[in-house]
Amino acid sequence: MNWTWFHKLASPPHAYSIAATIAPWFGWPALLLIVVGLFGGLVLAPADYQQGDAFRIVYVHAPSAWLSMLVYGTMAVAAAIGLIWRIKLAHAVAAASAPI
């Protein structure tokens, strides 16, 4: 089986060209879904009977907590891949994930 297509994915120029091609196709729908989710969670959701409107912070806080844990896992896996197999793109992924 020919795996040259798979090895190209670890090359930064090849990966960056793929990312530049698909970013608009995923970026705009992602932005739309974020806006719809925030509107639904912060405006349309009814207030809690005990906590009132303060309960709505759960709709922002819980996804943010999950995202932060996902980013820590992504950084750990990418750093391990970069250290073990010396793939430069893995170091770039770990470095780009850190500010999130």
PDB file of N, CA and C in Angstrom:
ATOM      1  N   MET A   1       0.836  -1.179   0.000  1.00  0.00           N
ATOM      2  CA  MET A   1       0.000   0.000   0.000  1.00  0.00           C
ATOM      3  C   MET A   1       0.884   1.247   0.000  1.00  0.00           C
ATOM      4  N   ASN A   2       0.519   2.244  -0.760  1.00  0.00           N
ATOM      5  CA  ASN A   2       1.301   3.460  -0.887  1.00  0.00           C
ATOM      6  C   ASN A   2       0.855   4.480   0.168  1.00  0.00           C
ATOM      7  N   TRP A   3       1.756   4.838   1.095  1.00  0.00           N
ATOM      8  CA  TRP A   3       1.427   5.746   2.190  1.00  0.00           C
ATOM      9  C   TRP A   3       2.051   7.127   1.999  1.00  0.00           C
ATOM     10  N   THR A   4       2.455   7.485   0.798  1.00  0.00           N
ATOM     11  CA  THR A   4       3.101   8.785   0.606  1.00  0.00           C
ATOM     12  C   THR A   4       2.133   9.941   0.875  1.00  0.00           C
ATOM     13  N   TRP A   5       0.857   9.768   0.604  1.00  0.00           N
ATOM     14  CA  TRP A   5      -0.116  10.814   0.877  1.00  0.00           C
ATOM     15  C   TRP A   5      -0.211  11.085   2.372  1.00  0.00           C
ATOM     16  N   PHE A   6      -0.047  10.046   3.183  1.00  0.00           N
ATOM     17  CA  PHE A   6      -0.146  10.202   4.630  1.00  0.00           C
ATOM     18  C   PHE A   6       1.075  10.923   5.188  1.00  0.00           C
ATOM     19  N   HIS A   7       2.240  10.634   4.661  1.00  0.00           N
ATOM     20  CA  HIS A   7       3.465  11.269   5.127  1.00  0.00           C
ATOM     21  C   HIS A   7       3.524  12.741   4.726  1.00  0.00           C
ATOM     22  N   LYS A   8       2.851  13.104   3.648  1.00  0.00           N
ATOM     23  CA  LYS A   8       2.805  14.509   3.243  1.00  0.00           C
ATOM     24  C   LYS A   8       2.059  15.360   4.260  1.00  0.00           C
ATOM     25  N   LEU A   9       1.123  14.762   4.998  1.00  0.00           N
ATOM     26  CA  LEU A   9       0.347  15.525   5.971  1.00  0.00           C
ATOM     27  C   LEU A   9       1.211  16.052   7.111  1.00  0.00           C
ATOM     28  N   ALA A  10       2.362  15.451   7.357  1.00  0.00           N
ATOM     29  CA  ALA A  10       3.268  15.908   8.407  1.00  0.00           C
ATOM     30  C   ALA A  10       4.179  17.029   7.935  1.00  0.00           C
ATOM     31  N   SER A  11       4.143  17.369   6.671  1.00  0.00           N
ATOM     32  CA  SER A  11       4.971  18.443   6.124  1.00  0.00           C
ATOM     33  C   SER A  11       4.262  19.781   6.349  1.00  0.00           C
ATOM     34  N   PRO A  12       4.899  20.732   7.043  1.00  0.00           N
ATOM     35  CA  PRO A  12       4.227  22.016   7.305  1.00  0.00           C
ATOM     36  C   PRO A  12       3.726  22.751   6.065  1.00  0.00           C
ATOM     37  N   PRO A  13       4.490  22.867   4.977  1.00  0.00           N
ATOM     38  CA  PRO A  13       3.930  23.586   3.814  1.00  0.00           C
ATOM     39  C   PRO A  13       2.679  22.905   3.246  1.00  0.00           C
ATOM     40  N   HIS A  14       2.693  21.585   3.196  1.00  0.00           N
ATOM     41  CA  HIS A  14       1.529  20.863   2.672  1.00  0.00           C
ATOM     42  C   HIS A  14       0.327  21.020   3.609  1.00  0.00           C
ATOM     43  N   ALA A  15       0.559  20.900   4.907  1.00  0.00           N
ATOM     44  CA  ALA A  15      -0.532  21.030   5.878  1.00  0.00           C
ATOM     45  C   ALA A  15      -1.092  22.450   5.899  1.00  0.00           C
ATOM     46  N   TYR A  16      -0.213  23.464   5.778  1.00  0.00           N
ATOM     47  CA  TYR A  16      -0.686  24.839   5.768  1.00  0.00           C
ATOM     48  C   TYR A  16      -1.505  25.144   4.519  1.00  0.00           C
ATOM     49  N   SER A  17      -1.145  24.557   3.391  1.00  0.00           N
ATOM     50  CA  SER A  17      -1.935  24.789   2.183  1.00  0.00           C
ATOM     51  C   SER A  17      -3.312  24.138   2.290  1.00  0.00           C
ATOM     52  N   ILE A  18      -3.379  22.961   2.900  1.00  0.00           N
ATOM     53  CA  ILE A  18      -4.682  22.325   3.122  1.00  0.00           C
ATOM     54  C   ILE A  18      -5.517  23.150   4.088  1.00  0.00           C
ATOM     55  N   ALA A  19      -4.888  23.626   5.168  1.00  0.00           N
ATOM     56  CA  ALA A  19      -5.615  24.430   6.156  1.00  0.00           C
ATOM     57  C   ALA A  19      -6.125  25.730   5.553  1.00  0.00           C
ATOM     58  N   ALA A  20      -5.318  26.363   4.697  1.00  0.00           N
ATOM     59  CA  ALA A  20      -5.760  27.596   4.058  1.00  0.00           C
ATOM     60  C   ALA A  20      -6.922  27.354   3.103  1.00  0.00           C
ATOM     61  N   THR A  21      -6.968  26.178   2.518  1.00  0.00           N
ATOM     62  CA  THR A  21      -8.051  25.853   1.590  1.00  0.00           C
ATOM     63  C   THR A  21      -9.362  25.585   2.311  1.00  0.00           C
ATOM     64  N   ILE A  22      -9.314  24.869   3.425  1.00  0.00           N
ATOM     65  CA  ILE A  22     -10.562  24.475   4.096  1.00  0.00           C
ATOM     66  C   ILE A  22     -10.991  25.429   5.201  1.00  0.00           C
ATOM     67  N   ALA A  23     -10.143  26.389   5.586  1.00  0.00           N
ATOM     68  CA  ALA A  23     -10.495  27.302   6.676  1.00  0.00           C
ATOM     69  C   ALA A  23     -11.778  28.091   6.410  1.00  0.00           C
ATOM     70  N   PRO A  24     -11.980  28.673   5.225  1.00  0.00           N
ATOM     71  CA  PRO A  24     -13.245  29.397   5.013  1.00  0.00           C
ATOM     72  C   PRO A  24     -14.471  28.482   5.047  1.00  0.00           C
ATOM     73  N   TRP A  25     -14.300  27.255   4.600  1.00  0.00           N
ATOM     74  CA  TRP A  25     -15.442  26.333   4.559  1.00  0.00           C
ATOM     75  C   TRP A  25     -15.862  25.889   5.960  1.00  0.00           C
ATOM     76  N   PHE A  26     -14.938  25.859   6.896  1.00  0.00           N
ATOM     77  CA  PHE A  26     -15.279  25.489   8.269  1.00  0.00           C
ATOM     78  C   PHE A  26     -15.419  26.709   9.175  1.00  0.00           C
ATOM     79  N   GLY A  27     -14.747  27.810   8.842  1.00  0.00           N
ATOM     80  CA  GLY A  27     -14.756  28.990   9.698  1.00  0.00           C
ATOM     81  C   GLY A  27     -16.106  29.686   9.773  1.00  0.00           C
ATOM     82  N   TRP A  28     -16.716  29.942   8.632  1.00  0.00           N
ATOM     83  CA  TRP A  28     -18.002  30.648   8.639  1.00  0.00           C
ATOM     84  C   TRP A  28     -19.124  29.832   9.277  1.00  0.00           C
ATOM     85  N   PRO A  29     -19.260  28.541   8.971  1.00  0.00           N
ATOM     86  CA  PRO A  29     -20.287  27.770   9.694  1.00  0.00           C
ATOM     87  C   PRO A  29     -20.014  27.685  11.198  1.00  0.00           C
ATOM     88  N   ALA A  30     -18.738  27.609  11.583  1.00  0.00           N
ATOM     89  CA  ALA A  30     -18.410  27.568  13.010  1.00  0.00           C
ATOM     90  C   ALA A  30     -18.809  28.873  13.692  1.00  0.00           C
ATOM     91  N   LEU A  31     -18.520  29.998  13.061  1.00  0.00           N
ATOM     92  CA  LEU A  31     -18.904  31.293  13.626  1.00  0.00           C
ATOM     93  C   LEU A  31     -20.419  31.412  13.746  1.00  0.00           C
ATOM     94  N   LEU A  32     -21.137  30.971  12.741  1.00  0.00           N
ATOM     95  CA  LEU A  32     -22.596  31.000  12.782  1.00  0.00           C
ATOM     96  C   LEU A  32     -23.141  30.131  13.918  1.00  0.00           C
ATOM     97  N   LEU A  33     -22.597  28.933  14.074  1.00  0.00           N
ATOM     98  CA  LEU A  33     -23.056  28.046  15.142  1.00  0.00           C
ATOM     99  C   LEU A  33     -22.719  28.595  16.528  1.00  0.00           C
ATOM    100  N   ILE A  34     -21.585  29.255  16.668  1.00  0.00           N
ATOM    101  CA  ILE A  34     -21.239  29.871  17.955  1.00  0.00           C
ATOM    102  C   ILE A  34     -22.224  30.980  18.299  1.00  0.00           C
ATOM    103  N   VAL A  35     -22.549  31.812  17.331  1.00  0.00           N
ATOM    104  CA  VAL A  35     -23.493  32.904  17.574  1.00  0.00           C
ATOM    105  C   VAL A  35     -24.875  32.354  17.919  1.00  0.00           C
ATOM    106  N   VAL A  36     -25.327  31.348  17.194  1.00  0.00           N
ATOM    107  CA  VAL A  36     -26.637  30.746  17.477  1.00  0.00           C
ATOM    108  C   VAL A  36     -26.640  30.101  18.858  1.00  0.00           C
ATOM    109  N   GLY A  37     -25.570  29.400  19.214  1.00  0.00           N
ATOM    110  CA  GLY A  37     -25.496  28.763  20.530  1.00  0.00           C
ATOM    111  C   GLY A  37     -25.476  29.767  21.659  1.00  0.00           C
ATOM    112  N   LEU A  38     -24.710  30.847  21.496  1.00  0.00           N
ATOM    113  CA  LEU A  38     -24.685  31.880  22.533  1.00  0.00           C
ATOM    114  C   LEU A  38     -26.043  32.561  22.675  1.00  0.00           C
ATOM    115  N   PHE A  39     -26.677  32.848  21.560  1.00  0.00           N
ATOM    116  CA  PHE A  39     -27.999  33.474  21.615  1.00  0.00           C
ATOM    117  C   PHE A  39     -29.011  32.550  22.295  1.00  0.00           C
ATOM    118  N   GLY A  40     -28.976  31.270  21.933  1.00  0.00           N
ATOM    119  CA  GLY A  40     -29.910  30.328  22.542  1.00  0.00           C
ATOM    120  C   GLY A  40     -29.656  30.128  24.026  1.00  0.00           C
ATOM    121  N   GLY A  41     -28.382  30.064  24.421  1.00  0.00           N
ATOM    122  CA  GLY A  41     -28.058  29.824  25.818  1.00  0.00           C
ATOM    123  C   GLY A  41     -28.226  31.036  26.705  1.00  0.00           C
ATOM    124  N   LEU A  42     -27.936  32.220  26.185  1.00  0.00           N
ATOM    125  CA  LEU A  42     -27.973  33.415  27.021  1.00  0.00           C
ATOM    126  C   LEU A  42     -29.248  34.238  26.892  1.00  0.00           C
ATOM    127  N   VAL A  43     -29.996  34.070  25.818  1.00  0.00           N
ATOM    128  CA  VAL A  43     -31.201  34.874  25.615  1.00  0.00           C
ATOM    129  C   VAL A  43     -32.464  34.018  25.662  1.00  0.00           C
ATOM    130  N   LEU A  44     -32.483  32.912  24.931  1.00  0.00           N
ATOM    131  CA  LEU A  44     -33.704  32.122  24.818  1.00  0.00           C
ATOM    132  C   LEU A  44     -33.940  31.154  25.977  1.00  0.00           C
ATOM    133  N   ALA A  45     -32.883  30.759  26.655  1.00  0.00           N
ATOM    134  CA  ALA A  45     -33.034  29.796  27.755  1.00  0.00           C
ATOM    135  C   ALA A  45     -33.791  30.441  28.915  1.00  0.00           C
ATOM    136  N   PRO A  46     -34.728  29.711  29.491  1.00  0.00           N
ATOM    137  CA  PRO A  46     -35.469  30.293  30.613  1.00  0.00           C
ATOM    138  C   PRO A  46     -34.589  30.384  31.863  1.00  0.00           C
ATOM    139  N   ALA A  47     -34.949  31.312  32.728  1.00  0.00           N
ATOM    140  CA  ALA A  47     -34.215  31.478  33.983  1.00  0.00           C
ATOM    141  C   ALA A  47     -34.530  30.318  34.925  1.00  0.00           C
ATOM    142  N   ASP A  48     -33.585  29.990  35.777  1.00  0.00           N
ATOM    143  CA  ASP A  48     -33.762  28.929  36.757  1.00  0.00           C
ATOM    144  C   ASP A  48     -34.691  29.430  37.864  1.00  0.00           C
ATOM    145  N   TYR A  49     -35.460  28.540  38.469  1.00  0.00           N
ATOM    146  CA  TYR A  49     -36.425  28.971  39.466  1.00  0.00           C
ATOM    147  C   TYR A  49     -35.764  29.365  40.786  1.00  0.00           C
ATOM    148  N   GLN A  50     -34.562  28.885  41.063  1.00  0.00           N
ATOM    149  CA  GLN A  50     -33.874  29.257  42.297  1.00  0.00           C
ATOM    150  C   GLN A  50     -32.782  30.308  42.061  1.00  0.00           C
ATOM    151  N   GLN A  51     -32.009  30.148  41.007  1.00  0.00           N
ATOM    152  CA  GLN A  51     -30.860  31.026  40.790  1.00  0.00           C
ATOM    153  C   GLN A  51     -31.149  32.194  39.862  1.00  0.00           C
ATOM    154  N   GLY A  52     -32.246  32.155  39.180  1.00  0.00           N
ATOM    155  CA  GLY A  52     -32.591  33.242  38.270  1.00  0.00           C
ATOM    156  C   GLY A  52     -31.716  33.249  37.024  1.00  0.00           C
ATOM    157  N   ASP A  53     -31.351  34.464  36.602  1.00  0.00           N
ATOM    158  CA  ASP A  53     -30.556  34.607  35.378  1.00  0.00           C
ATOM    159  C   ASP A  53     -29.093  34.217  35.574  1.00  0.00           C
ATOM    160  N   ALA A  54     -28.624  34.123  36.803  1.00  0.00           N
ATOM    161  CA  ALA A  54     -27.226  33.757  37.049  1.00  0.00           C
ATOM    162  C   ALA A  54     -26.914  32.337  36.591  1.00  0.00           C
ATOM    163  N   PHE A  55     -27.922  31.513  36.446  1.00  0.00           N
ATOM    164  CA  PHE A  55     -27.719  30.129  36.010  1.00  0.00           C
ATOM    165  C   PHE A  55     -27.215  30.040  34.575  1.00  0.00           C
ATOM    166  N   ARG A  56     -27.486  31.047  33.785  1.00  0.00           N
ATOM    167  CA  ARG A  56     -27.130  30.999  32.362  1.00  0.00           C
ATOM    168  C   ARG A  56     -25.626  30.976  32.119  1.00  0.00           C
ATOM    169  N   ILE A  57     -24.831  31.325  33.127  1.00  0.00           N
ATOM    170  CA  ILE A  57     -23.389  31.276  32.952  1.00  0.00           C
ATOM    171  C   ILE A  57     -22.929  29.841  32.718  1.00  0.00           C
ATOM    172  N   VAL A  58     -23.733  28.866  33.107  1.00  0.00           N
ATOM    173  CA  VAL A  58     -23.394  27.461  32.878  1.00  0.00           C
ATOM    174  C   VAL A  58     -23.287  27.170  31.380  1.00  0.00           C
ATOM    175  N   TYR A  59     -24.078  27.879  30.583  1.00  0.00           N
ATOM    176  CA  TYR A  59     -24.051  27.655  29.136  1.00  0.00           C
ATOM    177  C   TYR A  59     -22.765  28.178  28.495  1.00  0.00           C
ATOM    178  N   VAL A  60     -22.018  29.013  29.186  1.00  0.00           N
ATOM    179  CA  VAL A  60     -20.732  29.502  28.700  1.00  0.00           C
ATOM    180  C   VAL A  60     -19.592  28.805  29.433  1.00  0.00           C
ATOM    181  N   HIS A  61     -19.741  28.633  30.740  1.00  0.00           N
ATOM    182  CA  HIS A  61     -18.648  28.112  31.560  1.00  0.00           C
ATOM    183  C   HIS A  61     -18.345  26.643  31.264  1.00  0.00           C
ATOM    184  N   ALA A  62     -19.330  25.799  31.172  1.00  0.00           N
ATOM    185  CA  ALA A  62     -19.087  24.366  30.957  1.00  0.00           C
ATOM    186  C   ALA A  62     -18.424  24.082  29.603  1.00  0.00           C
ATOM    187  N   PRO A  63     -18.877  24.666  28.491  1.00  0.00           N
ATOM    188  CA  PRO A  63     -18.141  24.434  27.231  1.00  0.00           C
ATOM    189  C   PRO A  63     -16.722  24.986  27.266  1.00  0.00           C
ATOM    190  N   SER A  64     -16.506  26.095  27.956  1.00  0.00           N
ATOM    191  CA  SER A  64     -15.150  26.640  28.064  1.00  0.00           C
ATOM    192  C   SER A  64     -14.249  25.703  28.849  1.00  0.00           C
ATOM    193  N   ALA A  65     -14.771  25.088  29.897  1.00  0.00           N
ATOM    194  CA  ALA A  65     -13.988  24.143  30.686  1.00  0.00           C
ATOM    195  C   ALA A  65     -13.638  22.912  29.859  1.00  0.00           C
ATOM    196  N   TRP A  66     -14.591  22.419  29.098  1.00  0.00           N
ATOM    197  CA  TRP A  66     -14.309  21.266  28.236  1.00  0.00           C
ATOM    198  C   TRP A  66     -13.270  21.610  27.179  1.00  0.00           C
ATOM    199  N   LEU A  67     -13.377  22.795  26.605  1.00  0.00           N
ATOM    200  CA  LEU A  67     -12.408  23.218  25.594  1.00  0.00           C
ATOM    201  C   LEU A  67     -11.012  23.319  26.181  1.00  0.00           C
ATOM    202  N   SER A  68     -10.897  23.855  27.394  1.00  0.00           N
ATOM    203  CA  SER A  68      -9.567  23.983  27.992  1.00  0.00           C
ATOM    204  C   SER A  68      -8.956  22.613  28.264  1.00  0.00           C
ATOM    205  N   MET A  69      -9.750  21.662  28.711  1.00  0.00           N
ATOM    206  CA  MET A  69      -9.216  20.323  28.944  1.00  0.00           C
ATOM    207  C   MET A  69      -8.846  19.643  27.627  1.00  0.00           C
ATOM    208  N   LEU A  70      -9.616  19.877  26.586  1.00  0.00           N
ATOM    209  CA  LEU A  70      -9.296  19.327  25.270  1.00  0.00           C
ATOM    210  C   LEU A  70      -7.992  19.908  24.734  1.00  0.00           C
ATOM    211  N   VAL A  71      -7.784  21.190  24.965  1.00  0.00           N
ATOM    212  CA  VAL A  71      -6.550  21.832  24.504  1.00  0.00           C
ATOM    213  C   VAL A  71      -5.344  21.276  25.256  1.00  0.00           C
ATOM    214  N   TYR A  72      -5.468  21.062  26.571  1.00  0.00           N
ATOM    215  CA  TYR A  72      -4.354  20.464  27.320  1.00  0.00           C
ATOM    216  C   TYR A  72      -4.030  19.066  26.790  1.00  0.00           C
ATOM    217  N   GLY A  73      -5.031  18.290  26.488  1.00  0.00           N
ATOM    218  CA  GLY A  73      -4.798  16.957  25.920  1.00  0.00           C
ATOM    219  C   GLY A  73      -4.162  17.031  24.548  1.00  0.00           C
ATOM    220  N   THR A  74      -4.631  17.967  23.722  1.00  0.00           N
ATOM    221  CA  THR A  74      -4.060  18.143  22.388  1.00  0.00           C
ATOM    222  C   THR A  74      -2.595  18.557  22.471  1.00  0.00           C
ATOM    223  N   MET A  75      -2.292  19.462  23.387  1.00  0.00           N
ATOM    224  CA  MET A  75      -0.901  19.884  23.549  1.00  0.00           C
ATOM    225  C   MET A  75      -0.018  18.732  24.003  1.00  0.00           C
ATOM    226  N   ALA A  76      -0.515  17.909  24.909  1.00  0.00           N
ATOM    227  CA  ALA A  76       0.283  16.782  25.403  1.00  0.00           C
ATOM    228  C   ALA A  76       0.543  15.764  24.293  1.00  0.00           C
ATOM    229  N   VAL A  77      -0.494  15.429  23.539  1.00  0.00           N
ATOM    230  CA  VAL A  77      -0.332  14.450  22.451  1.00  0.00           C
ATOM    231  C   VAL A  77       0.574  15.009  21.361  1.00  0.00           C
ATOM    232  N   ALA A  78       0.377  16.277  20.997  1.00  0.00           N
ATOM    233  CA  ALA A  78       1.209  16.874  19.947  1.00  0.00           C
ATOM    234  C   ALA A  78       2.666  16.970  20.390  1.00  0.00           C
ATOM    235  N   ALA A  79       2.897  17.333  21.636  1.00  0.00           N
ATOM    236  CA  ALA A  79       4.275  17.412  22.127  1.00  0.00           C
ATOM    237  C   ALA A  79       4.922  16.037  22.166  1.00  0.00           C
ATOM    238  N   ALA A  80       4.167  15.025  22.551  1.00  0.00           N
ATOM    239  CA  ALA A  80       4.716  13.665  22.561  1.00  0.00           C
ATOM    240  C   ALA A  80       5.062  13.206  21.148  1.00  0.00           C
ATOM    241  N   ILE A  81       4.181  13.465  20.202  1.00  0.00           N
ATOM    242  CA  ILE A  81       4.451  13.090  18.809  1.00  0.00           C
ATOM    243  C   ILE A  81       5.682  13.834  18.293  1.00  0.00           C
ATOM    244  N   GLY A  82       5.788  15.117  18.631  1.00  0.00           N
ATOM    245  CA  GLY A  82       6.935  15.888  18.192  1.00  0.00           C
ATOM    246  C   GLY A  82       8.239  15.410  18.805  1.00  0.00           C
ATOM    247  N   LEU A  83       8.196  14.999  20.062  1.00  0.00           N
ATOM    248  CA  LEU A  83       9.416  14.530  20.709  1.00  0.00           C
ATOM    249  C   LEU A  83       9.804  13.120  20.267  1.00  0.00           C
ATOM    250  N   ILE A  84       8.823  12.264  20.085  1.00  0.00           N
ATOM    251  CA  ILE A  84       9.119  10.873  19.737  1.00  0.00           C
ATOM    252  C   ILE A  84       9.505  10.739  18.269  1.00  0.00           C
ATOM    253  N   TRP A  85       8.678  11.270  17.372  1.00  0.00           N
ATOM    254  CA  TRP A  85       8.915  11.089  15.938  1.00  0.00           C
ATOM    255  C   TRP A  85       9.541  12.309  15.273  1.00  0.00           C
ATOM    256  N   ARG A  86       9.787  13.366  16.025  1.00  0.00           N
ATOM    257  CA  ARG A  86      10.426  14.590  15.529  1.00  0.00           C
ATOM    258  C   ARG A  86       9.699  15.174  14.316  1.00  0.00           C
ATOM    259  N   ILE A  87       8.406  15.305  14.459  1.00  0.00           N
ATOM    260  CA  ILE A  87       7.585  15.896  13.402  1.00  0.00           C
ATOM    261  C   ILE A  87       7.402  17.378  13.734  1.00  0.00           C
ATOM    262  N   LYS A  88       7.852  18.244  12.840  1.00  0.00           N
ATOM    263  CA  LYS A  88       7.822  19.686  13.099  1.00  0.00           C
ATOM    264  C   LYS A  88       6.398  20.221  13.215  1.00  0.00           C
ATOM    265  N   LEU A  89       5.486  19.647  12.481  1.00  0.00           N
ATOM    266  CA  LEU A  89       4.107  20.118  12.516  1.00  0.00           C
ATOM    267  C   LEU A  89       3.475  19.876  13.882  1.00  0.00           C
ATOM    268  N   ALA A  90       3.888  18.820  14.571  1.00  0.00           N
ATOM    269  CA  ALA A  90       3.354  18.547  15.909  1.00  0.00           C
ATOM    270  C   ALA A  90       3.774  19.631  16.886  1.00  0.00           C
ATOM    271  N   HIS A  91       4.995  20.118  16.768  1.00  0.00           N
ATOM    272  CA  HIS A  91       5.442  21.220  17.627  1.00  0.00           C
ATOM    273  C   HIS A  91       4.656  22.491  17.314  1.00  0.00           C
ATOM    274  N   ALA A  92       4.348  22.706  16.045  1.00  0.00           N
ATOM    275  CA  ALA A  92       3.550  23.875  15.664  1.00  0.00           C
ATOM    276  C   ALA A  92       2.136  23.786  16.226  1.00  0.00           C
ATOM    277  N   VAL A  93       1.558  22.581  16.233  1.00  0.00           N
ATOM    278  CA  VAL A  93       0.223  22.385  16.799  1.00  0.00           C
ATOM    279  C   VAL A  93       0.243  22.653  18.294  1.00  0.00           C
ATOM    280  N   ALA A  94       1.240  22.154  18.997  1.00  0.00           N
ATOM    281  CA  ALA A  94       1.337  22.380  20.436  1.00  0.00           C
ATOM    282  C   ALA A  94       1.523  23.854  20.747  1.00  0.00           C
ATOM    283  N   ALA A  95       2.345  24.541  19.979  1.00  0.00           N
ATOM    284  CA  ALA A  95       2.578  25.966  20.205  1.00  0.00           C
ATOM    285  C   ALA A  95       1.344  26.802  19.872  1.00  0.00           C
ATOM    286  N   ALA A  96       0.609  26.401  18.837  1.00  0.00           N
ATOM    287  CA  ALA A  96      -0.587  27.150  18.461  1.00  0.00           C
ATOM    288  C   ALA A  96      -1.748  26.900  19.416  1.00  0.00           C
ATOM    289  N   SER A  97      -1.741  25.758  20.091  1.00  0.00           N
ATOM    290  CA  SER A  97      -2.809  25.442  21.037  1.00  0.00           C
ATOM    291  C   SER A  97      -2.627  26.145  22.373  1.00  0.00           C
ATOM    292  N   ALA A  98      -1.410  26.499  22.716  1.00  0.00           N
ATOM    293  CA  ALA A  98      -1.123  27.061  24.034  1.00  0.00           C
ATOM    294  C   ALA A  98      -1.884  28.362  24.337  1.00  0.00           C
ATOM    295  N   PRO A  99      -1.998  29.322  23.423  1.00  0.00           N
ATOM    296  CA  PRO A  99      -2.714  30.561  23.772  1.00  0.00           C
ATOM    297  C   PRO A  99      -4.211  30.367  24.027  1.00  0.00           C
ATOM    298  N   ILE A 100      -4.782  29.315  23.521  1.00  0.00           N
ATOM    299  CA  ILE A 100      -6.214  29.089  23.727  1.00  0.00           C
ATOM    300  C   ILE A 100      -6.477  28.829  25.190  1.00  0.00           C
TER     301      ILE A 100
END
